[in-house]
């Protein structure tokens, strides 16, 4: 028994020491609740001489409204909605809980109503949890809808493959590939961990939608609080930043992760104060109900603008060629926008007509802003979708035949042979007599309108919507694209659309704005389905088809 006493004392000593250490550790760790404000990175040169970044500081606003900065490093555990993520997933204003030890964040837990927007499962985390999911941004979409190029939050750009069994979801609703755009933030569900075949695409409700593109003169830079104050601020509307000078000051937030360039040179946020009095372009996004700057480019020399078709794009050498202006270089900080979304350079490869702002002394040096106006029916996300304008020659049950028809190809209505198409009980069919519209039963009543012209919207060989125009003439409709400014959804329903382009002679031309366009008798399509005027939201991108400017017949909604 005496021989066992030292052993027993040793066990007791270890137990007491362990309890003491546990209590000390618990006492040293505190939890802070509040909202995420910003992070700061420190830069260092790796053994190869390449400049790399690592987490250094994090700023949080606690529930009392006090802003506090803590230390943080790359070993901190990061979660959003209980899913392993990276620091890039945290957005300004996001609700967070932080475990603090010795003034350092050891674990950060965020919560978001939109898990698709912020979740990011790393490959290692995916293997640990056995979830074959990955989150990131769409950089390119195959014109035939067979694959996408995808830039994950962690790792390199990768190709993933789509097929007829791939499902698409946005805002808790089932959609199709037409709801997917280059620049969208998405979560991919894969068939298994070792495949590149996608079974499901979850599309973020907001993605990287640009709220506004501004130009203003820098007045004050508060690098510590991440605030930029400018005067003479104008939003890019109707292909112009506005010419009326104003001395009013405007202040906006930006984060430490926002890239800031002067010409083609990247600078630190602390250096931005050296450019007070200079003009700058900056793109904003909406984060938790607040407009926040996402990209900044300071005008170094003289501004020139072009609105032309892009003939070619070389992402390796960062070079794009415009139809008349010729070749222009872009750089890592160039603000690239397509269909209202911030995109990666690969997103330019689908070409299209672009509004380009260049910077140079006596000649163009670099493109600072490239905004592709509208892909319309050239958009890869509309693979499998067709739109006809033609004469209903015969309706026989669930089959209809149209002739004297035109089909949209490359944004142009081209003459086509007669087409035999199928309808179903799911087809939305209306007749527009010029004063009102009324619904008809596709397989029973469409034959009453044989000989009339109309629009026939087809998805995968099935007519989703029919819009018959009573006594219409066989004329090619106008095609207009723009950004919805406001909508009045009650009778008489009207819309106001800004930054309008009109398709003419193989390219988009500036067309100003559409004011009080009547949509009372309009068929509206979004994500392949018929919607109502009340479903429209400001900032929606619209493709309008009509035979005149004052009244729309058919609208595709982004």
Protein backbone atom coordinates (compact mmCIF):
# COMPACT_ATOMS: atom_id res chain seq x y z
CA UNK A 1 0.00 0.00 0.00
CA UNK A 2 2.84 2.35 0.89
CA UNK A 3 4.35 1.77 -2.54
CA UNK A 4 1.15 3.06 -4.17
CA UNK A 5 1.05 6.36 -2.24
CA UNK A 6 3.52 8.23 -4.52
CA UNK A 7 1.57 7.06 -7.55
CA UNK A 8 -1.75 8.24 -6.06
CA UNK A 9 -0.22 11.61 -5.13
CA UNK A 10 1.06 12.00 -8.69
CA UNK A 11 -2.40 11.34 -10.13
CA UNK A 12 -3.97 13.86 -7.74
CA UNK A 13 -1.34 16.45 -8.61
CA UNK A 14 -1.95 16.03 -12.35
CA UNK A 15 -5.73 16.28 -11.85
CA UNK A 16 -5.46 19.47 -9.76
CA UNK A 17 -3.01 20.99 -12.24
CA UNK A 18 -5.32 20.15 -15.16
CA UNK A 19 -8.34 21.68 -13.44
CA UNK A 20 -6.33 24.79 -12.63
CA UNK A 21 -5.10 25.11 -16.21
CA UNK A 22 -8.62 24.64 -17.55
CA UNK A 23 -9.99 27.32 -15.24
CA UNK A 24 -7.13 29.65 -16.19
CA UNK A 25 -7.74 29.08 -19.90
CA UNK A 26 -11.47 29.64 -19.50
CA UNK A 27 -10.85 32.78 -17.52
CA UNK A 28 -8.47 34.08 -20.17
CA UNK A 29 -10.97 33.58 -23.01
CA UNK A 30 -13.90 35.95 -23.45
CA UNK A 31 -16.66 36.07 -26.04
CA UNK A 32 -17.51 39.29 -27.84
CA UNK A 33 -20.75 39.63 -29.82
CA UNK A 34 -21.43 42.35 -32.34
CA UNK A 35 -20.76 42.97 -36.03
CA UNK A 36 -17.81 42.60 -38.37
CA UNK A 37 -16.17 45.86 -39.50
CA UNK A 38 -12.87 45.10 -41.25
CA UNK A 39 -9.58 43.20 -41.28
CA UNK A 40 -6.01 44.35 -41.89
CA UNK A 41 -3.31 42.32 -43.59
CA UNK A 42 0.45 42.56 -43.19
CA UNK A 43 2.68 41.94 -46.19
CA UNK A 44 5.94 40.01 -46.31
CA UNK A 45 8.28 38.58 -48.91
CA UNK A 46 8.42 34.78 -49.08
CA UNK A 47 11.71 32.95 -49.81
CA UNK A 48 11.04 33.35 -53.54
CA UNK A 49 10.72 37.10 -53.18
CA UNK A 50 6.97 37.08 -53.83
CA UNK A 51 4.93 39.48 -51.70
CA UNK A 52 2.29 37.61 -49.69
CA UNK A 53 -0.33 38.69 -47.16
CA UNK A 54 -1.29 37.33 -43.78
CA UNK A 55 -3.99 38.31 -41.33
CA UNK A 56 -2.89 40.90 -38.78
CA UNK A 57 -5.76 42.88 -37.22
CA UNK A 58 -9.54 42.61 -37.07
CA UNK A 59 -11.99 45.34 -36.14
CA UNK A 60 -15.34 44.51 -34.55
CA UNK A 61 -18.19 46.66 -33.27
CA UNK A 62 -19.61 45.20 -30.07
CA UNK A 63 -23.27 45.24 -29.08
CA UNK A 64 -22.71 48.49 -27.16
CA UNK A 65 -21.62 50.23 -30.35
CA UNK A 66 -17.95 50.45 -29.40
CA UNK A 67 -15.42 49.69 -32.14
CA UNK A 68 -12.45 47.60 -30.99
CA UNK A 69 -9.45 46.24 -32.90
CA UNK A 70 -7.94 42.86 -31.97
CA UNK A 71 -5.04 40.78 -33.21
CA UNK A 72 -5.77 37.85 -35.51
CA UNK A 73 -3.64 35.42 -37.49
CA UNK A 74 -4.09 32.69 -40.06
CA UNK A 75 -4.53 30.07 -37.32
CA UNK A 76 -7.85 31.55 -36.17
CA UNK A 77 -10.83 29.26 -36.66
CA UNK A 78 -13.39 30.88 -38.98
CA UNK A 79 -17.03 29.79 -39.44
CA UNK A 80 -20.15 31.18 -41.10
CA UNK A 81 -23.44 29.45 -40.35
CA UNK A 82 -21.41 26.64 -38.71
CA UNK A 83 -19.44 26.04 -41.91
CA UNK A 84 -15.66 26.41 -42.20
CA UNK A 85 -14.86 29.51 -44.25
CA UNK A 86 -12.15 32.08 -45.01
CA UNK A 87 -11.90 35.69 -43.91
CA UNK A 88 -13.19 36.72 -47.36
CA UNK A 89 -16.60 35.36 -46.40
CA UNK A 90 -17.09 38.01 -43.69
CA UNK A 91 -18.78 41.20 -44.88
CA UNK A 92 -19.10 44.59 -43.22
CA UNK A 93 -22.12 44.58 -40.88
CA UNK A 94 -22.34 40.78 -40.55
CA UNK A 95 -23.35 39.57 -37.08
CA UNK A 96 -20.47 37.74 -35.39
CA UNK A 97 -19.34 36.09 -32.18
CA UNK A 98 -15.61 36.16 -31.39
CA UNK A 99 -13.63 34.20 -28.83
CA UNK A 100 -10.84 36.47 -27.55
CA UNK A 101 -7.71 35.30 -25.76
CA UNK A 102 -4.94 37.73 -24.80
CA UNK A 103 -6.33 40.41 -27.15
CA UNK A 104 -6.31 37.96 -30.07
CA UNK A 105 -9.26 36.41 -31.90
CA UNK A 106 -8.91 32.63 -31.75
CA UNK A 107 -12.33 31.80 -33.22
CA UNK A 108 -14.79 33.89 -35.23
CA UNK A 109 -18.35 32.76 -35.93
CA UNK A 110 -20.53 34.69 -38.38
CA UNK A 111 -24.17 34.33 -39.31
CA UNK A 112 -25.87 35.30 -42.54
CA UNK A 113 -29.38 34.94 -43.90
CA UNK A 114 -27.83 33.99 -47.25
CA UNK A 115 -25.58 31.00 -46.69
CA UNK A 116 -24.81 30.79 -50.38
CA UNK A 117 -23.28 34.24 -50.37
CA UNK A 118 -20.85 33.61 -47.57
CA UNK A 119 -20.19 29.89 -47.17
CA UNK A 120 -16.80 28.70 -48.36
CA UNK A 121 -15.74 25.13 -47.74
CA UNK A 122 -12.05 24.54 -48.30
CA UNK A 123 -10.96 21.28 -49.91
CA UNK A 124 -9.55 20.02 -46.62
CA UNK A 125 -12.65 21.06 -44.72
CA UNK A 126 -14.80 19.41 -47.36
CA UNK A 127 -12.92 16.15 -46.86
CA UNK A 128 -13.27 16.36 -43.10
CA UNK A 129 -17.03 16.95 -43.26
CA UNK A 130 -17.53 14.66 -46.27
CA UNK A 131 -19.46 17.43 -48.05
CA UNK A 132 -18.76 17.66 -51.77
CA UNK A 133 -19.48 21.40 -51.95
CA UNK A 134 -17.40 24.38 -52.98
CA UNK A 135 -18.16 28.11 -52.96
CA UNK A 136 -16.84 30.89 -55.17
CA UNK A 137 -17.53 33.04 -58.25
CA UNK A 138 -18.51 32.18 -61.84
CA UNK A 139 -15.87 33.50 -64.22
CA UNK A 140 -17.17 32.07 -67.52
CA UNK A 141 -20.16 30.14 -68.89
CA UNK A 142 -20.03 27.87 -71.93
CA UNK A 143 -22.28 29.22 -74.75
CA UNK A 144 -23.97 25.81 -74.92
CA UNK A 145 -24.45 25.60 -71.17
CA UNK A 146 -22.26 22.49 -70.83
CA UNK A 147 -19.69 23.80 -68.33
CA UNK A 148 -18.64 26.80 -66.26
CA UNK A 149 -15.31 28.26 -65.22
CA UNK A 150 -15.33 28.80 -61.48
CA UNK A 151 -12.95 30.60 -59.09
CA UNK A 152 -13.26 29.09 -55.60
CA UNK A 153 -12.60 31.07 -52.44
CA UNK A 154 -9.61 28.81 -51.87
CA UNK A 155 -7.66 27.43 -54.80
CA UNK A 156 -7.31 28.06 -58.51
CA UNK A 157 -9.87 28.61 -61.24
CA UNK A 158 -11.43 25.27 -62.23
CA UNK A 159 -13.81 23.91 -64.87
CA UNK A 160 -17.00 22.22 -63.65
CA UNK A 161 -19.45 20.38 -65.89
CA UNK A 162 -23.24 20.74 -66.11
CA UNK A 163 -25.81 18.33 -67.53
CA UNK A 164 -29.56 17.85 -67.81
CA UNK A 165 -29.70 16.56 -64.23
CA UNK A 166 -28.06 19.67 -62.75
CA UNK A 167 -30.54 21.66 -60.65
CA UNK A 168 -30.40 25.41 -59.97
CA UNK A 169 -31.69 27.29 -56.94
CA UNK A 170 -31.87 31.00 -56.16
CA UNK A 171 -33.50 32.65 -53.15
CA UNK A 172 -35.05 29.30 -52.09
CA UNK A 173 -36.75 28.93 -55.49
CA UNK A 174 -36.05 26.45 -58.26
CA UNK A 175 -34.72 28.20 -61.40
CA UNK A 176 -32.72 27.19 -64.48
CA UNK A 177 -29.40 28.16 -65.99
CA UNK A 178 -30.87 31.43 -67.30
CA UNK A 179 -30.64 32.76 -63.72
CA UNK A 180 -26.87 32.22 -63.68
CA UNK A 181 -24.53 35.01 -64.79
CA UNK A 182 -20.80 35.57 -64.98
CA UNK A 183 -19.80 37.27 -61.73
CA UNK A 184 -22.44 35.50 -59.63
CA UNK A 185 -21.38 34.06 -56.30
CA UNK A 186 -22.50 30.43 -56.10
CA UNK A 187 -22.19 27.20 -54.13
CA UNK A 188 -21.68 24.03 -56.16
CA UNK A 189 -22.77 20.60 -54.98
CA UNK A 190 -20.72 17.89 -56.65
CA UNK A 191 -21.59 14.29 -57.38
CA UNK A 192 -18.73 13.21 -55.10
CA UNK A 193 -15.41 14.49 -53.80
CA UNK A 194 -13.46 13.22 -56.81
CA UNK A 195 -15.62 14.53 -59.65
CA UNK A 196 -16.14 17.81 -61.49
CA UNK A 197 -19.78 17.05 -62.36
CA UNK A 198 -22.21 19.48 -60.70
CA UNK A 199 -25.47 18.17 -59.28
CA UNK A 200 -26.75 21.47 -57.88
CA UNK A 201 -25.97 25.18 -58.22
CA UNK A 202 -27.05 27.51 -55.40
CA UNK A 203 -26.99 31.10 -56.68
CA UNK A 204 -26.52 33.93 -54.18
CA UNK A 205 -29.42 36.37 -54.15
CA UNK A 206 -27.13 39.39 -54.37
CA UNK A 207 -23.89 37.96 -55.69
CA UNK A 208 -21.54 40.73 -56.79
CA UNK A 209 -24.24 43.00 -58.17
CA UNK A 210 -22.94 46.54 -58.65
CA UNK A 211 -25.15 49.03 -56.86
CA UNK A 212 -23.54 52.03 -58.57
CA UNK A 213 -20.47 53.11 -60.49
CA UNK A 214 -19.35 56.57 -59.35
CA UNK A 215 -16.87 59.26 -60.26
CA UNK A 216 -15.81 61.88 -57.72
CA UNK A 217 -12.98 64.14 -56.58
CA UNK A 218 -11.11 62.86 -53.52
CA UNK A 219 -11.31 65.26 -50.56
CA UNK A 220 -10.63 63.31 -47.36
CA UNK A 221 -9.21 59.83 -46.75
CA UNK A 222 -9.56 58.29 -43.29
CA UNK A 223 -7.44 55.17 -43.63
CA UNK A 224 -7.97 54.13 -40.01
CA UNK A 225 -11.77 54.23 -40.25
CA UNK A 226 -11.78 53.12 -43.92
CA UNK A 227 -13.83 56.07 -45.14
CA UNK A 228 -13.53 58.00 -48.40
CA UNK A 229 -14.98 61.50 -48.78
CA UNK A 230 -15.40 63.03 -52.24
CA UNK A 231 -17.03 66.04 -53.81
CA UNK A 232 -18.77 66.37 -57.15
CA UNK A 233 -19.88 62.73 -56.96
CA UNK A 234 -21.94 61.47 -59.89
CA UNK A 235 -23.31 58.01 -60.57
CA UNK A 236 -22.89 56.54 -64.04
CA UNK A 237 -26.38 56.93 -65.51
CA UNK A 238 -27.47 57.00 -69.15
CA UNK A 239 -23.87 56.51 -70.28
CA UNK A 240 -22.62 59.61 -68.46
CA UNK A 241 -21.29 60.61 -65.05
CA UNK A 242 -23.15 63.92 -65.20
CA UNK A 243 -21.83 67.35 -66.06
CA UNK A 244 -23.37 69.47 -63.29
CA UNK A 245 -20.69 70.50 -60.78
CA UNK A 246 -21.56 70.19 -57.09
CA UNK A 247 -19.54 71.00 -53.97
CA UNK A 248 -21.59 68.67 -51.77
CA UNK A 249 -19.49 66.08 -49.94
CA UNK A 250 -20.26 62.37 -49.97
CA UNK A 251 -18.66 59.81 -47.63
CA UNK A 252 -18.61 56.04 -48.12
CA UNK A 253 -17.04 53.08 -46.35
CA UNK A 254 -14.56 50.67 -47.88
CA UNK A 255 -12.74 47.67 -46.46
CA UNK A 256 -9.02 46.95 -46.19
CA UNK A 257 -9.46 44.23 -48.82
CA UNK A 258 -10.60 46.70 -51.49
CA UNK A 259 -8.03 46.99 -54.31
CA UNK A 260 -6.91 50.60 -54.88
CA UNK A 261 -5.07 51.55 -58.07
CA UNK A 262 -3.58 54.75 -59.48
CA UNK A 263 -3.41 54.17 -63.20
CA UNK A 264 -2.16 50.59 -63.35
CA UNK A 265 -0.21 50.77 -60.05
CA UNK A 266 -1.60 49.26 -56.87
CA UNK A 267 -1.27 51.37 -53.73
CA UNK A 268 -1.95 50.89 -50.04
CA UNK A 269 -5.03 52.57 -48.57
CA UNK A 270 -2.73 54.83 -46.52
CA UNK A 271 -1.26 56.23 -49.75
CA UNK A 272 -4.66 57.29 -51.07
CA UNK A 273 -4.38 60.56 -49.12
CA UNK A 274 -1.55 61.56 -51.49
CA UNK A 275 -4.15 61.87 -54.27
CA UNK A 276 -6.50 64.39 -52.67
CA UNK A 277 -7.88 66.55 -55.47
CA UNK A 278 -7.64 63.73 -58.01
CA UNK A 279 -10.67 62.15 -59.66
CA UNK A 280 -11.47 58.52 -58.95
CA UNK A 281 -13.85 55.85 -60.20
CA UNK A 282 -15.34 53.48 -57.64
CA UNK A 283 -17.85 50.64 -57.83
CA UNK A 284 -20.16 49.95 -54.90
CA UNK A 285 -22.14 46.93 -53.75
CA UNK A 286 -24.92 46.56 -51.20
CA UNK A 287 -23.84 44.84 -47.98
CA UNK A 288 -26.44 44.39 -45.23
CA UNK A 289 -28.47 47.33 -46.53
CA UNK A 290 -25.49 49.67 -46.87
CA UNK A 291 -23.63 50.87 -49.97
CA UNK A 292 -19.94 49.93 -49.67
CA UNK A 293 -17.05 50.60 -52.05
CA UNK A 294 -15.74 47.40 -53.66
CA UNK A 295 -13.11 48.76 -56.11
CA UNK A 296 -11.28 52.10 -56.53
CA UNK A 297 -9.25 53.41 -59.48
CA UNK A 298 -7.71 56.90 -59.40
CA UNK A 299 -7.53 58.73 -62.75
CA UNK A 300 -3.83 59.30 -63.40
CA UNK A 301 -3.88 61.30 -66.64
CA UNK A 302 -6.65 62.12 -69.13
CA UNK A 303 -10.00 60.39 -69.53
CA UNK A 304 -11.31 59.03 -72.83
CA UNK A 305 -14.48 57.00 -73.35
CA UNK A 306 -15.55 54.49 -76.00
CA UNK A 307 -18.74 52.53 -76.61
CA UNK A 308 -17.88 49.81 -79.10
CA UNK A 309 -18.04 46.07 -79.76
CA UNK A 310 -15.14 44.03 -78.35
CA UNK A 311 -13.49 42.05 -81.15
CA UNK A 312 -11.07 40.03 -79.02
CA UNK A 313 -9.82 39.62 -75.46
CA UNK A 314 -6.46 38.21 -74.34
CA UNK A 315 -6.56 37.53 -70.59
CA UNK A 316 -2.92 36.36 -70.46
CA UNK A 317 -1.55 39.68 -71.74
CA UNK A 318 -4.54 41.66 -70.39
CA UNK A 319 -5.40 43.12 -73.78
CA UNK A 320 -8.77 43.85 -75.38
CA UNK A 321 -9.47 45.03 -78.91
CA UNK A 322 -12.31 47.42 -79.73
CA UNK A 323 -13.84 47.71 -83.20
CA UNK A 324 -12.71 51.31 -83.89
CA UNK A 325 -10.45 52.36 -81.01
CA UNK A 326 -8.20 49.35 -81.45
CA UNK A 327 -6.23 47.61 -78.71
CA UNK A 328 -6.26 48.65 -75.05
CA UNK A 329 -4.53 47.10 -72.07
CA UNK A 330 -6.34 46.50 -68.81
CA UNK A 331 -4.81 45.61 -65.43
CA UNK A 332 -5.57 43.77 -62.20
CA UNK A 333 -7.40 46.77 -60.77
CA UNK A 334 -9.57 47.58 -63.81
CA UNK A 335 -13.24 47.72 -62.84
CA UNK A 336 -14.83 45.00 -64.99
CA UNK A 337 -18.65 44.83 -65.11
CA UNK A 338 -20.92 42.54 -67.11
CA UNK A 339 -24.70 42.38 -66.80
CA UNK A 340 -24.45 44.60 -63.73
CA UNK A 341 -21.97 42.31 -61.91
CA UNK A 342 -18.29 42.62 -61.06
CA UNK A 343 -16.43 39.97 -63.02
CA UNK A 344 -12.99 38.41 -63.46
CA UNK A 345 -11.11 38.95 -66.76
CA UNK A 346 -12.33 35.60 -68.14
CA UNK A 347 -15.83 37.06 -68.01
CA UNK A 348 -14.90 39.34 -70.91
CA UNK A 349 -14.35 36.39 -73.23
CA UNK A 350 -18.02 36.29 -74.27
CA UNK A 351 -17.32 39.62 -76.00
CA UNK A 352 -20.24 42.02 -76.57
CA UNK A 353 -20.47 45.82 -76.71
CA UNK A 354 -18.61 47.61 -73.92
CA UNK A 355 -18.44 51.11 -72.48
CA UNK A 356 -14.73 51.66 -71.83
CA UNK A 357 -13.07 54.44 -69.84
CA UNK A 358 -9.36 54.77 -70.59
CA UNK A 359 -6.55 56.70 -68.93
CA UNK A 360 -3.56 58.20 -70.67
CA UNK A 361 -1.66 61.39 -71.42
CA UNK A 362 -1.51 61.86 -75.19
CA UNK A 363 -2.81 58.37 -75.95
CA UNK A 364 -4.63 55.54 -74.22
CA UNK A 365 -2.50 53.68 -71.69
CA UNK A 366 -4.94 51.49 -69.79
CA UNK A 367 -8.66 50.78 -69.61
CA UNK A 368 -9.76 51.69 -66.08
CA UNK A 369 -13.43 50.71 -66.46
CA UNK A 370 -14.90 48.13 -68.85
CA UNK A 371 -18.68 47.79 -68.63
CA UNK A 372 -20.29 45.28 -70.98
CA UNK A 373 -23.80 46.56 -71.55
CA UNK A 374 -26.00 43.54 -72.24
CA UNK A 375 -25.55 40.03 -73.57
CA UNK A 376 -29.25 39.69 -74.39
CA UNK A 377 -29.86 36.46 -76.30
CA UNK A 378 -26.14 36.06 -76.93
CA UNK A 379 -25.80 35.33 -73.21
CA UNK A 380 -24.44 31.83 -72.47
CA UNK A 381 -26.89 31.54 -69.58
CA UNK A 382 -29.75 31.39 -72.11
CA UNK A 383 -28.48 28.18 -73.69
CA UNK A 384 -31.53 26.10 -74.59
CA UNK A 385 -33.83 29.16 -74.70
CA UNK A 386 -35.32 30.49 -77.94
CA UNK A 387 -37.61 33.35 -78.86
CA UNK A 388 -39.68 33.50 -82.04
CA UNK A 389 -41.79 36.27 -83.51
CA UNK A 390 -44.12 34.90 -86.16
CA UNK A 391 -47.56 33.96 -87.44
CA UNK A 392 -49.58 31.27 -85.70
CA UNK A 393 -50.54 29.20 -88.75
CA UNK A 394 -52.08 26.21 -86.97
CA UNK A 395 -52.93 25.10 -83.44
CA UNK A 396 -53.87 21.46 -82.98
CA UNK A 397 -54.16 20.40 -79.37
CA UNK A 398 -50.74 20.48 -77.76
CA UNK A 399 -48.91 21.16 -81.03
CA UNK A 400 -48.73 24.49 -82.82
CA UNK A 401 -47.12 25.57 -86.08
CA UNK A 402 -45.77 29.03 -86.83
CA UNK A 403 -44.62 30.42 -90.18
CA UNK A 404 -43.44 33.76 -91.58
CA UNK A 405 -41.33 33.56 -88.44
CA UNK A 406 -38.20 35.24 -87.14
CA UNK A 407 -35.97 33.75 -84.46
CA UNK A 408 -33.48 35.65 -82.35
CA UNK A 409 -29.93 34.60 -83.19
CA UNK A 410 -26.98 36.70 -82.00
CA UNK A 411 -29.40 39.46 -80.96
CA UNK A 412 -30.89 39.63 -84.47
CA UNK A 413 -34.33 38.43 -85.59
CA UNK A 414 -33.52 36.19 -88.54
CA UNK A 415 -35.97 34.60 -90.95
CA UNK A 416 -36.51 30.94 -90.22
CA UNK A 417 -38.48 28.07 -91.70
CA UNK A 418 -41.81 27.19 -90.20
CA UNK A 419 -41.51 25.64 -86.76
CA UNK A 420 -43.63 23.02 -85.02
CA UNK A 421 -43.56 23.49 -81.26
CA UNK A 422 -45.29 21.96 -78.25
CA UNK A 423 -47.43 23.59 -75.59
CA UNK A 424 -48.80 22.15 -72.37
CA UNK A 425 -51.11 23.06 -69.52
CA UNK A 426 -48.11 24.87 -68.00
CA UNK A 427 -47.80 27.23 -70.98
CA UNK A 428 -48.85 30.80 -70.16
CA UNK A 429 -50.77 32.10 -73.18
CA UNK A 430 -52.28 35.58 -73.50
CA UNK A 431 -53.86 37.62 -76.28
CA UNK A 432 -53.22 41.36 -76.53
CA UNK A 433 -55.95 43.21 -78.46
CA UNK A 434 -54.28 46.60 -78.01
CA UNK A 435 -56.52 47.69 -75.14
CA UNK A 436 -56.32 44.74 -72.76
CA UNK A 437 -54.94 41.23 -72.44
CA UNK A 438 -56.74 38.04 -71.56
CA UNK A 439 -55.56 34.50 -70.91
CA UNK A 440 -56.43 31.59 -73.17
CA UNK A 441 -56.19 27.82 -72.70
CA UNK A 442 -53.32 26.73 -74.97
CA UNK A 443 -54.64 23.39 -76.25
CA UNK A 444 -58.28 24.51 -76.57
CA UNK A 445 -58.41 28.20 -77.54
CA UNK A 446 -55.21 29.04 -79.43
CA UNK A 447 -56.74 27.83 -82.71
CA UNK A 448 -59.11 30.82 -82.52
CA UNK A 449 -56.14 33.09 -83.23
CA UNK A 450 -54.67 31.31 -86.22
CA UNK A 451 -53.34 33.92 -88.62
CA UNK A 452 -52.28 36.34 -85.85
CA UNK A 453 -48.68 37.23 -85.06
CA UNK A 454 -47.04 36.95 -81.67
CA UNK A 455 -44.05 36.06 -79.50
CA UNK A 456 -43.28 32.44 -78.63
CA UNK A 457 -40.79 31.88 -75.81
CA UNK A 458 -39.28 28.38 -75.92
CA UNK A 459 -37.19 26.53 -73.37
CA UNK A 460 -35.81 23.08 -74.21
CA UNK A 461 -38.32 22.65 -77.06
CA UNK A 462 -41.35 23.57 -74.93
CA UNK A 463 -43.26 26.86 -75.24
CA UNK A 464 -43.16 28.55 -71.85
CA UNK A 465 -45.12 31.64 -72.90
CA UNK A 466 -47.20 32.84 -75.86
CA UNK A 467 -48.01 36.52 -76.40
CA UNK A 468 -50.44 36.92 -79.33
CA UNK A 469 -50.83 40.41 -80.83
CA UNK A 470 -54.25 40.84 -82.38
CA UNK A 471 -53.99 42.38 -85.88
CA UNK A 472 -50.22 42.88 -85.55
CA UNK A 473 -48.04 43.39 -88.59
CA UNK A 474 -45.13 41.11 -89.53
CA UNK A 475 -42.45 43.60 -88.43
CA UNK A 476 -39.22 43.01 -86.52
CA UNK A 477 -39.54 44.29 -82.96
CA UNK A 478 -37.31 46.83 -81.29
CA UNK A 479 -34.76 45.33 -78.92
CA UNK A 480 -33.81 47.52 -75.94
CA UNK A 481 -31.75 46.77 -72.82
CA UNK A 482 -31.32 48.77 -69.63
CA UNK A 483 -31.45 49.00 -65.85
CA UNK A 484 -34.81 49.36 -64.12
CA UNK A 485 -34.97 52.57 -62.10
CA UNK A 486 -38.55 52.39 -60.84
CA UNK A 487 -41.78 50.48 -61.38
CA UNK A 488 -45.44 51.25 -60.78
CA UNK A 489 -47.12 47.85 -60.66
CA UNK A 490 -50.75 49.00 -60.30
CA UNK A 491 -52.92 50.04 -63.24
CA UNK A 492 -51.66 51.58 -65.42
CA UNK A 493 -48.38 49.74 -64.78
CA UNK A 494 -45.32 51.63 -66.06
CA UNK A 495 -41.55 51.39 -65.75
CA UNK A 496 -38.67 53.86 -65.97
CA UNK A 497 -35.43 52.43 -67.33
CA UNK A 498 -31.98 54.06 -67.22
CA UNK A 499 -28.83 53.53 -69.29
CA UNK A 500 -30.76 52.10 -72.23
CA UNK A 501 -29.06 50.49 -75.23
CA UNK A 502 -30.74 49.73 -78.56
CA UNK A 503 -29.59 46.88 -80.80
CA UNK A 504 -29.01 48.14 -84.34
CA UNK A 505 -26.86 46.95 -87.23
CA UNK A 506 -25.06 44.30 -85.23
CA UNK A 507 -24.17 46.28 -82.10
CA UNK A 508 -25.61 48.13 -79.12
CA UNK A 509 -26.02 51.90 -79.33
CA UNK A 510 -26.66 54.38 -76.53
CA UNK A 511 -30.37 55.20 -76.28
CA UNK A 512 -30.68 57.30 -73.12
CA UNK A 513 -33.65 56.28 -70.98
CA UNK A 514 -37.21 54.99 -71.24
CA UNK A 515 -39.74 57.05 -69.29
CA UNK A 516 -43.18 55.72 -68.29
CA UNK A 517 -43.10 52.74 -70.63
CA UNK A 518 -46.44 50.95 -70.35
CA UNK A 519 -46.23 47.29 -69.23
CA UNK A 520 -49.91 46.66 -68.47
CA UNK A 521 -50.16 44.21 -71.36
CA UNK A 522 -46.58 42.89 -71.23
CA UNK A 523 -45.40 39.31 -70.80
CA UNK A 524 -42.55 39.30 -68.27
CA UNK A 525 -40.08 36.39 -68.08
CA UNK A 526 -37.54 35.80 -65.30
CA UNK A 527 -35.45 32.63 -64.93
CA UNK A 528 -37.58 30.97 -67.61
CA UNK A 529 -40.90 31.66 -65.86
CA UNK A 530 -43.70 34.21 -66.30
CA UNK A 531 -43.78 36.84 -63.53
CA UNK A 532 -45.94 39.87 -62.67
CA UNK A 533 -45.06 43.61 -62.60
CA UNK A 534 -45.09 43.50 -58.78
CA UNK A 535 -42.16 41.04 -58.96
CA UNK A 536 -39.91 43.63 -60.62
CA UNK A 537 -37.26 45.30 -58.47
CA UNK A 538 -35.22 48.47 -59.03
CA UNK A 539 -31.80 47.63 -60.50
CA UNK A 540 -33.21 44.63 -62.40
CA UNK A 541 -31.68 44.44 -65.86
CA UNK A 542 -34.30 44.29 -68.62
CA UNK A 543 -34.37 43.20 -72.25
CA UNK A 544 -37.42 44.85 -73.80
CA UNK A 545 -39.07 43.77 -77.07
CA UNK A 546 -41.71 45.91 -78.71
CA UNK A 547 -42.66 47.68 -81.92
CA UNK A 548 -42.45 51.14 -80.33
CA UNK A 549 -40.81 52.91 -77.37
CA UNK A 550 -43.95 53.71 -75.39
CA UNK A 551 -45.26 50.19 -74.80
CA UNK A 552 -43.51 46.88 -74.14
CA UNK A 553 -44.78 43.56 -75.48
CA UNK A 554 -42.23 41.15 -74.08
CA UNK A 555 -39.57 41.63 -71.36
CA UNK A 556 -36.81 39.31 -70.19
CA UNK A 557 -35.72 40.13 -66.63
CA UNK A 558 -32.30 39.51 -65.11
